[in-house]
Amino acid sequence: MENRVLICTEDPELYLLLNHILSVEGFPSQLADSDVDVECCLQKGGLLAVIFDGVAWRGDIVALCSLSKQAGLAVGALIAGDMRTTHLQMIKAGLDDGIMRPLAPERLLAFLRHARRAAGNPSAFGEVSPSALPTDISVSSNSQHITIRGRHLALTSIEGRILETLIRHGNRTCSRGDLLAAVWREPHDVGARTVDVHIARLRKALSACHDVRIKTVYGEGYALVSTRKGEELSAAARR
């Protein structure tokens, strides 16, 4: 079975919950509950991504993160606010995304959809026409300094994270729910109108850069597109 998501946890209830969330979206999953189990699954292949339960895993999660990345997989982890040191070590080992607990399902699904697109299996839902983004976009580690074709933009941390999320979504429209889950730690306390306000501020900041703009996809959300014709959509968020 191809494109499975390896869920690495010692908590059976968490696995059952994640398995249900993923199966509804068409992501088959597999359980690994030890370091040896993870290494065995990596050797067998057929995986799309690895999700670690960073809160409860008792093994060498940093080493496993590195092995998963060496295998060419998308690597995500469920983390808590008191995991700063381990989280940083995992990022250095190749972690692609740290997803805060309590879990926002859309946040996890956005990560996996991106992984599926990167693997060459895009979902038809929510796609916008490939209107091209410049590849030379860099995002600083705190998401506040963006460089687009040599032009530097100083943004607030929230606006920077919104832009980075739009970049990572590539061709796919990013809904307000996607942005809420990706940018705010307590998305349930933030209204959709707040997203619109920050999008408006971000558009104003991007007005100085003529290569990209934020497109409103009515009824769905937003997408970052290029004003240059003929370029293929392949955004790169580099830290």
C-alpha atoms as a PDB file:
ATOM      1  CA  MET A   1       0.000   0.000   0.000  1.00  0.00           C
ATOM      2  CA  GLU A   2       1.632   3.246  -1.137  1.00  0.00           C
ATOM      3  CA  ASN A   3       1.619   6.678   0.456  1.00  0.00           C
ATOM      4  CA  ARG A   4       0.949   5.464   3.964  1.00  0.00           C
ATOM      5  CA  VAL A   5       1.422   7.785   6.918  1.00  0.00           C
ATOM      6  CA  LEU A   6       3.502   6.247   9.683  1.00  0.00           C
ATOM      7  CA  ILE A   7       2.102   7.286  13.067  1.00  0.00           C
ATOM      8  CA  CYS A   8       4.704   6.863  15.788  1.00  0.00           C
ATOM      9  CA  THR A   9       3.056   6.758  19.188  1.00  0.00           C
ATOM     10  CA  GLU A  10       2.794   4.580  22.276  1.00  0.00           C
ATOM     11  CA  ASP A  11      -0.730   5.853  22.940  1.00  0.00           C
ATOM     12  CA  PRO A  12      -3.350   3.543  21.344  1.00  0.00           C
ATOM     13  CA  GLU A  13      -6.164   6.090  21.748  1.00  0.00           C
ATOM     14  CA  LEU A  14      -4.144   8.753  19.946  1.00  0.00           C
ATOM     15  CA  TYR A  15      -3.390   6.353  17.111  1.00  0.00           C
ATOM     16  CA  LEU A  16      -7.067   5.440  16.713  1.00  0.00           C
ATOM     17  CA  LEU A  17      -8.011   9.124  16.644  1.00  0.00           C
ATOM     18  CA  LEU A  18      -5.340  10.010  14.072  1.00  0.00           C
ATOM     19  CA  ASN A  19      -6.154   6.936  11.989  1.00  0.00           C
ATOM     20  CA  HIS A  20      -9.799   8.040  11.811  1.00  0.00           C
ATOM     21  CA  ILE A  21      -8.924  11.644  10.874  1.00  0.00           C
ATOM     22  CA  LEU A  22      -6.514  10.515   8.164  1.00  0.00           C
ATOM     23  CA  SER A  23      -8.740   7.779   6.731  1.00  0.00           C
ATOM     24  CA  VAL A  24     -11.585  10.239   6.155  1.00  0.00           C
ATOM     25  CA  GLU A  25      -9.198  12.301   4.006  1.00  0.00           C
ATOM     26  CA  GLY A  26      -7.863   9.266   2.134  1.00  0.00           C
ATOM     27  CA  PHE A  27      -4.548   8.879   3.979  1.00  0.00           C
ATOM     28  CA  PRO A  28      -3.932   5.237   4.999  1.00  0.00           C
ATOM     29  CA  SER A  29      -1.911   4.955   8.191  1.00  0.00           C
ATOM     30  CA  GLN A  30       0.316   2.498   9.984  1.00  0.00           C
ATOM     31  CA  LEU A  31       1.291   2.308  13.648  1.00  0.00           C
ATOM     32  CA  ALA A  32       4.849   2.185  14.981  1.00  0.00           C
ATOM     33  CA  ASP A  33       5.264   2.036  18.753  1.00  0.00           C
ATOM     34  CA  SER A  34       9.030   1.706  19.266  1.00  0.00           C
ATOM     35  CA  ASP A  35      12.337   2.864  17.779  1.00  0.00           C
ATOM     36  CA  VAL A  36      12.921  -0.567  16.247  1.00  0.00           C
ATOM     37  CA  ASP A  37       9.434  -0.581  14.782  1.00  0.00           C
ATOM     38  CA  VAL A  38       9.999   2.812  13.160  1.00  0.00           C
ATOM     39  CA  GLU A  39      13.339   1.767  11.662  1.00  0.00           C
ATOM     40  CA  CYS A  40      11.766  -1.405  10.256  1.00  0.00           C
ATOM     41  CA  CYS A  41       8.932   0.541   8.618  1.00  0.00           C
ATOM     42  CA  LEU A  42      11.393   3.022   7.103  1.00  0.00           C
ATOM     43  CA  GLN A  43      13.370   0.170   5.563  1.00  0.00           C
ATOM     44  CA  LYS A  44      10.248  -1.386   4.036  1.00  0.00           C
ATOM     45  CA  GLY A  45       9.303   1.896   2.318  1.00  0.00           C
ATOM     46  CA  GLY A  46       5.948   2.774   0.760  1.00  0.00           C
ATOM     47  CA  LEU A  47       5.528   5.764   3.086  1.00  0.00           C
ATOM     48  CA  LEU A  48       4.462   9.328   2.383  1.00  0.00           C
ATOM     49  CA  ALA A  49       5.121  10.902   5.772  1.00  0.00           C
ATOM     50  CA  VAL A  50       5.999  10.205   9.393  1.00  0.00           C
ATOM     51  CA  ILE A  51       4.128  11.737  12.323  1.00  0.00           C
ATOM     52  CA  PHE A  52       5.763  11.492  15.752  1.00  0.00           C
ATOM     53  CA  ASP A  53       3.981  11.792  19.073  1.00  0.00           C
ATOM     54  CA  GLY A  54       6.634  14.076  20.488  1.00  0.00           C
ATOM     55  CA  VAL A  55       4.817  14.488  23.791  1.00  0.00           C
ATOM     56  CA  ALA A  56       4.883  10.858  24.914  1.00  0.00           C
ATOM     57  CA  TRP A  57       7.574   9.110  22.803  1.00  0.00           C
ATOM     58  CA  ARG A  58      10.171   7.517  25.082  1.00  0.00           C
ATOM     59  CA  GLY A  59      12.741   6.606  22.417  1.00  0.00           C
ATOM     60  CA  ASP A  60      15.342   8.644  20.540  1.00  0.00           C
ATOM     61  CA  ILE A  61      12.925  10.832  18.625  1.00  0.00           C
ATOM     62  CA  VAL A  62      15.653  13.146  17.284  1.00  0.00           C
ATOM     63  CA  ALA A  63      17.583  10.270  15.697  1.00  0.00           C
ATOM     64  CA  LEU A  64      14.381   8.834  14.227  1.00  0.00           C
ATOM     65  CA  CYS A  65      13.502  12.238  12.813  1.00  0.00           C
ATOM     66  CA  SER A  66      16.876  12.300  11.054  1.00  0.00           C
ATOM     67  CA  LEU A  67      16.424   8.768   9.681  1.00  0.00           C
ATOM     68  CA  SER A  68      12.948   9.626   8.374  1.00  0.00           C
ATOM     69  CA  LYS A  69      14.265  12.696   6.606  1.00  0.00           C
ATOM     70  CA  GLN A  70      17.147  10.712   5.090  1.00  0.00           C
ATOM     71  CA  ALA A  71      14.503   8.367   3.697  1.00  0.00           C
ATOM     72  CA  GLY A  72      13.037  11.328   1.798  1.00  0.00           C
ATOM     73  CA  LEU A  73       9.818  11.543   3.814  1.00  0.00           C
ATOM     74  CA  ALA A  74       7.818  14.478   5.109  1.00  0.00           C
ATOM     75  CA  VAL A  75       8.345  14.578   8.874  1.00  0.00           C
ATOM     76  CA  GLY A  76       5.878  16.064  11.341  1.00  0.00           C
ATOM     77  CA  ALA A  77       5.502  15.888  15.095  1.00  0.00           C
ATOM     78  CA  LEU A  78       2.846  16.615  17.691  1.00  0.00           C
ATOM     79  CA  ILE A  79       4.494  18.849  20.267  1.00  0.00           C
ATOM     80  CA  ALA A  80       3.691  20.711  23.478  1.00  0.00           C
ATOM     81  CA  GLY A  81       4.713  24.160  24.649  1.00  0.00           C
ATOM     82  CA  ASP A  82       7.277  22.813  27.122  1.00  0.00           C
ATOM     83  CA  MET A  83       9.223  20.930  24.419  1.00  0.00           C
ATOM     84  CA  ARG A  84      11.285  23.874  23.145  1.00  0.00           C
ATOM     85  CA  THR A  85      14.698  22.156  23.443  1.00  0.00           C
ATOM     86  CA  THR A  86      13.572  18.873  21.893  1.00  0.00           C
ATOM     87  CA  HIS A  87      11.611  20.738  19.233  1.00  0.00           C
ATOM     88  CA  LEU A  88      14.724  22.678  18.201  1.00  0.00           C
ATOM     89  CA  GLN A  89      16.765  19.473  18.084  1.00  0.00           C
ATOM     90  CA  MET A  90      14.141  17.858  15.866  1.00  0.00           C
ATOM     91  CA  ILE A  91      14.151  20.851  13.525  1.00  0.00           C
ATOM     92  CA  LYS A  92      17.928  20.502  13.183  1.00  0.00           C
ATOM     93  CA  ALA A  93      17.417  16.804  12.448  1.00  0.00           C
ATOM     94  CA  GLY A  94      15.024  17.577   9.593  1.00  0.00           C
ATOM     95  CA  LEU A  95      11.568  18.101  11.135  1.00  0.00           C
ATOM     96  CA  ASP A  96       9.295  19.768   8.588  1.00  0.00           C
ATOM     97  CA  ASP A  97       6.451  20.789  10.867  1.00  0.00           C
ATOM     98  CA  GLY A  98       5.721  20.888  14.583  1.00  0.00           C
ATOM     99  CA  ILE A  99       1.998  20.715  15.320  1.00  0.00           C
ATOM    100  CA  MET A 100       0.932  21.972  18.722  1.00  0.00           C
ATOM    101  CA  ARG A 101      -1.296  19.899  20.978  1.00  0.00           C
ATOM    102  CA  PRO A 102      -4.192  19.903  21.622  1.00  0.00           C
ATOM    103  CA  LEU A 103      -4.438  18.795  18.028  1.00  0.00           C
ATOM    104  CA  ALA A 104      -6.211  20.852  15.382  1.00  0.00           C
ATOM    105  CA  PRO A 105      -7.041  18.203  12.723  1.00  0.00           C
ATOM    106  CA  GLU A 106      -6.990  20.696   9.828  1.00  0.00           C
ATOM    107  CA  ARG A 107      -3.440  21.687  10.788  1.00  0.00           C
ATOM    108  CA  LEU A 108      -2.290  18.088  10.459  1.00  0.00           C
ATOM    109  CA  LEU A 109      -4.222  17.527   7.241  1.00  0.00           C
ATOM    110  CA  ALA A 110      -2.757  20.685   5.681  1.00  0.00           C
ATOM    111  CA  PHE A 111       0.720  19.293   6.353  1.00  0.00           C
ATOM    112  CA  LEU A 112      -0.125  15.927   4.774  1.00  0.00           C
ATOM    113  CA  ARG A 113      -1.812  17.492   1.747  1.00  0.00           C
ATOM    114  CA  HIS A 114       1.343  19.479   1.145  1.00  0.00           C
ATOM    115  CA  ALA A 115       3.386  16.277   1.440  1.00  0.00           C
ATOM    116  CA  ARG A 116       1.114  14.549  -1.060  1.00  0.00           C
ATOM    117  CA  ARG A 117       1.483  17.410  -3.543  1.00  0.00           C
ATOM    118  CA  ALA A 118       5.252  17.372  -3.111  1.00  0.00           C
ATOM    119  CA  ALA A 119       5.240  13.634  -3.840  1.00  0.00           C
ATOM    120  CA  GLY A 120       3.479  14.255  -7.144  1.00  0.00           C
ATOM    121  CA  ASN A 121      -0.003  13.137  -6.114  1.00  0.00           C
ATOM    122  CA  PRO A 122      -2.006  16.370  -5.805  1.00  0.00           C
ATOM    123  CA  SER A 123      -5.593  16.297  -4.673  1.00  0.00           C
ATOM    124  CA  ALA A 124      -8.053  17.898  -7.062  1.00  0.00           C
ATOM    125  CA  PHE A 125      -9.944  19.622  -4.267  1.00  0.00           C
ATOM    126  CA  GLY A 126      -9.183  23.275  -3.757  1.00  0.00           C
ATOM    127  CA  GLU A 127      -6.591  23.574  -6.549  1.00  0.00           C
ATOM    128  CA  VAL A 128      -6.060  26.868  -8.287  1.00  0.00           C
ATOM    129  CA  SER A 129      -4.560  27.193 -11.719  1.00  0.00           C
ATOM    130  CA  PRO A 130      -0.746  27.022 -11.651  1.00  0.00           C
ATOM    131  CA  SER A 131      -0.065  30.726 -11.942  1.00  0.00           C
ATOM    132  CA  ALA A 132       3.579  30.635 -10.852  1.00  0.00           C
ATOM    133  CA  LEU A 133       5.459  31.739  -7.821  1.00  0.00           C
ATOM    134  CA  PRO A 134       9.083  32.810  -7.899  1.00  0.00           C
ATOM    135  CA  THR A 135      11.278  30.152  -6.331  1.00  0.00           C
ATOM    136  CA  ASP A 136      13.644  32.621  -4.655  1.00  0.00           C
ATOM    137  CA  ILE A 137      11.545  33.309  -1.591  1.00  0.00           C
ATOM    138  CA  SER A 138      13.223  32.945   1.780  1.00  0.00           C
ATOM    139  CA  VAL A 139      11.628  33.041   5.209  1.00  0.00           C
ATOM    140  CA  SER A 140      13.630  33.696   8.369  1.00  0.00           C
ATOM    141  CA  SER A 141      13.434  31.336  11.327  1.00  0.00           C
ATOM    142  CA  ASN A 142      11.068  33.685  13.191  1.00  0.00           C
ATOM    143  CA  SER A 143       8.918  34.259  10.062  1.00  0.00           C
ATOM    144  CA  GLN A 144       9.334  38.033  10.386  1.00  0.00           C
ATOM    145  CA  HIS A 145      11.831  38.697   7.598  1.00  0.00           C
ATOM    146  CA  ILE A 146      10.855  37.689   4.079  1.00  0.00           C
ATOM    147  CA  THR A 147      13.021  38.075   0.989  1.00  0.00           C
ATOM    148  CA  ILE A 148      11.393  37.937  -2.462  1.00  0.00           C
ATOM    149  CA  ARG A 149      13.793  38.325  -5.397  1.00  0.00           C
ATOM    150  CA  GLY A 150      16.196  40.284  -3.220  1.00  0.00           C
ATOM    151  CA  ARG A 151      13.542  42.609  -1.791  1.00  0.00           C
ATOM    152  CA  HIS A 152      13.301  42.449   2.003  1.00  0.00           C
ATOM    153  CA  LEU A 153       9.956  42.726   3.771  1.00  0.00           C
ATOM    154  CA  ALA A 154       9.718  43.245   7.533  1.00  0.00           C
ATOM    155  CA  LEU A 155       6.483  41.689   8.791  1.00  0.00           C
ATOM    156  CA  THR A 156       4.885  40.957  12.112  1.00  0.00           C
ATOM    157  CA  SER A 157       5.333  37.359  13.247  1.00  0.00           C
ATOM    158  CA  ILE A 158       1.678  36.572  12.461  1.00  0.00           C
ATOM    159  CA  GLU A 159       1.853  38.058   8.968  1.00  0.00           C
ATOM    160  CA  GLY A 160       5.107  36.213   8.342  1.00  0.00           C
ATOM    161  CA  ARG A 161       3.561  32.907   9.394  1.00  0.00           C
ATOM    162  CA  ILE A 162       0.539  33.573   7.184  1.00  0.00           C
ATOM    163  CA  LEU A 163       2.795  34.204   4.196  1.00  0.00           C
ATOM    164  CA  GLU A 164       4.869  31.120   4.950  1.00  0.00           C
ATOM    165  CA  THR A 165       1.689  29.023   5.165  1.00  0.00           C
ATOM    166  CA  LEU A 166       0.515  30.350   1.800  1.00  0.00           C
ATOM    167  CA  ILE A 167       3.921  29.531   0.310  1.00  0.00           C
ATOM    168  CA  ARG A 168       3.847  25.988   1.658  1.00  0.00           C
ATOM    169  CA  HIS A 169       0.374  25.401   0.228  1.00  0.00           C
ATOM    170  CA  GLY A 170       1.746  25.795  -3.291  1.00  0.00           C
ATOM    171  CA  ASN A 171      -1.084  25.477  -5.849  1.00  0.00           C
ATOM    172  CA  ARG A 172      -3.754  24.686  -3.296  1.00  0.00           C
ATOM    173  CA  THR A 173      -6.099  27.319  -1.988  1.00  0.00           C
ATOM    174  CA  CYS A 174      -5.533  27.982   1.706  1.00  0.00           C
ATOM    175  CA  SER A 175      -8.793  28.295   3.604  1.00  0.00           C
ATOM    176  CA  ARG A 176      -9.297  30.548   6.602  1.00  0.00           C
ATOM    177  CA  GLY A 177      -9.462  27.379   8.687  1.00  0.00           C
ATOM    178  CA  ASP A 178      -6.057  26.289   7.354  1.00  0.00           C
ATOM    179  CA  LEU A 179      -4.576  29.658   8.302  1.00  0.00           C
ATOM    180  CA  LEU A 180      -6.171  29.680  11.741  1.00  0.00           C
ATOM    181  CA  ALA A 181      -4.842  26.212  12.508  1.00  0.00           C
ATOM    182  CA  ALA A 182      -1.367  26.913  11.127  1.00  0.00           C
ATOM    183  CA  VAL A 183      -0.735  30.375  12.562  1.00  0.00           C
ATOM    184  CA  TRP A 184      -2.533  30.705  15.895  1.00  0.00           C
ATOM    185  CA  ARG A 185      -1.882  28.468  18.884  1.00  0.00           C
ATOM    186  CA  GLU A 186      -5.487  28.872  20.065  1.00  0.00           C
ATOM    187  CA  PRO A 187      -7.365  29.020  16.735  1.00  0.00           C
ATOM    188  CA  HIS A 188     -10.767  28.571  18.367  1.00  0.00           C
ATOM    189  CA  ASP A 189     -10.370  31.969  20.053  1.00  0.00           C
ATOM    190  CA  VAL A 190      -9.676  33.774  16.761  1.00  0.00           C
ATOM    191  CA  GLY A 191     -12.408  34.866  14.346  1.00  0.00           C
ATOM    192  CA  ALA A 192     -12.295  34.624  10.560  1.00  0.00           C
ATOM    193  CA  ARG A 193     -12.434  38.428  10.415  1.00  0.00           C
ATOM    194  CA  THR A 194      -9.037  38.536  12.164  1.00  0.00           C
ATOM    195  CA  VAL A 195      -7.570  36.497   9.314  1.00  0.00           C
ATOM    196  CA  ASP A 196      -9.013  38.956   6.789  1.00  0.00           C
ATOM    197  CA  VAL A 197      -7.452  41.903   8.629  1.00  0.00           C
ATOM    198  CA  HIS A 198      -4.000  40.324   8.592  1.00  0.00           C
ATOM    199  CA  ILE A 199      -4.392  39.358   4.931  1.00  0.00           C
ATOM    200  CA  ALA A 200      -5.176  42.994   4.132  1.00  0.00           C
ATOM    201  CA  ARG A 201      -2.042  44.142   5.975  1.00  0.00           C
ATOM    202  CA  LEU A 202       0.027  41.487   4.232  1.00  0.00           C
ATOM    203  CA  ARG A 203      -1.299  42.575   0.844  1.00  0.00           C
ATOM    204  CA  LYS A 204      -0.233  46.129   1.637  1.00  0.00           C
ATOM    205  CA  ALA A 205       3.268  44.929   2.528  1.00  0.00           C
ATOM    206  CA  LEU A 206       3.474  42.856  -0.669  1.00  0.00           C
ATOM    207  CA  SER A 207       2.394  45.802  -2.808  1.00  0.00           C
ATOM    208  CA  ALA A 208       6.050  46.879  -2.878  1.00  0.00           C
ATOM    209  CA  CYS A 209       6.906  43.582  -4.549  1.00  0.00           C
ATOM    210  CA  HIS A 210       5.447  43.334  -8.027  1.00  0.00           C
ATOM    211  CA  ASP A 211       6.157  39.604  -8.475  1.00  0.00           C
ATOM    212  CA  VAL A 212       3.544  38.127  -6.146  1.00  0.00           C
ATOM    213  CA  ARG A 213       0.085  38.886  -4.835  1.00  0.00           C
ATOM    214  CA  ILE A 214      -2.510  37.245  -2.628  1.00  0.00           C
ATOM    215  CA  LYS A 215      -5.513  36.078  -4.629  1.00  0.00           C
ATOM    216  CA  THR A 216      -8.933  35.659  -3.055  1.00  0.00           C
ATOM    217  CA  VAL A 217     -10.596  32.413  -4.130  1.00  0.00           C
ATOM    218  CA  TYR A 218     -14.186  33.242  -3.294  1.00  0.00           C
ATOM    219  CA  GLY A 219     -15.907  30.725  -1.081  1.00  0.00           C
ATOM    220  CA  GLU A 220     -12.635  28.885  -0.387  1.00  0.00           C
ATOM    221  CA  GLY A 221      -9.858  31.145   0.883  1.00  0.00           C
ATOM    222  CA  TYR A 222      -6.605  32.616  -0.365  1.00  0.00           C
ATOM    223  CA  ALA A 223      -3.713  31.654  -2.627  1.00  0.00           C
ATOM    224  CA  LEU A 224      -0.328  33.244  -3.224  1.00  0.00           C
ATOM    225  CA  VAL A 225       0.228  33.689  -6.958  1.00  0.00           C
ATOM    226  CA  SER A 226       2.759  35.331  -9.231  1.00  0.00           C
ATOM    227  CA  THR A 227       2.104  38.220 -11.567  1.00  0.00           C
ATOM    228  CA  ARG A 228       4.740  36.852 -13.940  1.00  0.00           C
ATOM    229  CA  LYS A 229       3.432  34.727 -16.756  1.00  0.00           C
ATOM    230  CA  GLY A 230       5.037  31.446 -17.717  1.00  0.00           C
ATOM    231  CA  GLU A 231       6.586  30.498 -14.396  1.00  0.00           C
ATOM    232  CA  GLU A 232       5.527  27.263 -12.768  1.00  0.00           C
ATOM    233  CA  LEU A 233       4.251  27.228  -9.226  1.00  0.00           C
ATOM    234  CA  SER A 234       7.114  25.957  -7.081  1.00  0.00           C
ATOM    235  CA  ALA A 235       7.496  27.978  -3.939  1.00  0.00           C
ATOM    236  CA  ALA A 236      10.428  27.396  -1.636  1.00  0.00           C
ATOM    237  CA  ALA A 237      10.288  28.502   1.990  1.00  0.00           C
ATOM    238  CA  ARG A 238      13.875  28.355   3.128  1.00  0.00           C
ATOM    239  CA  ARG A 239      14.975  28.879   6.702  1.00  0.00           C
END
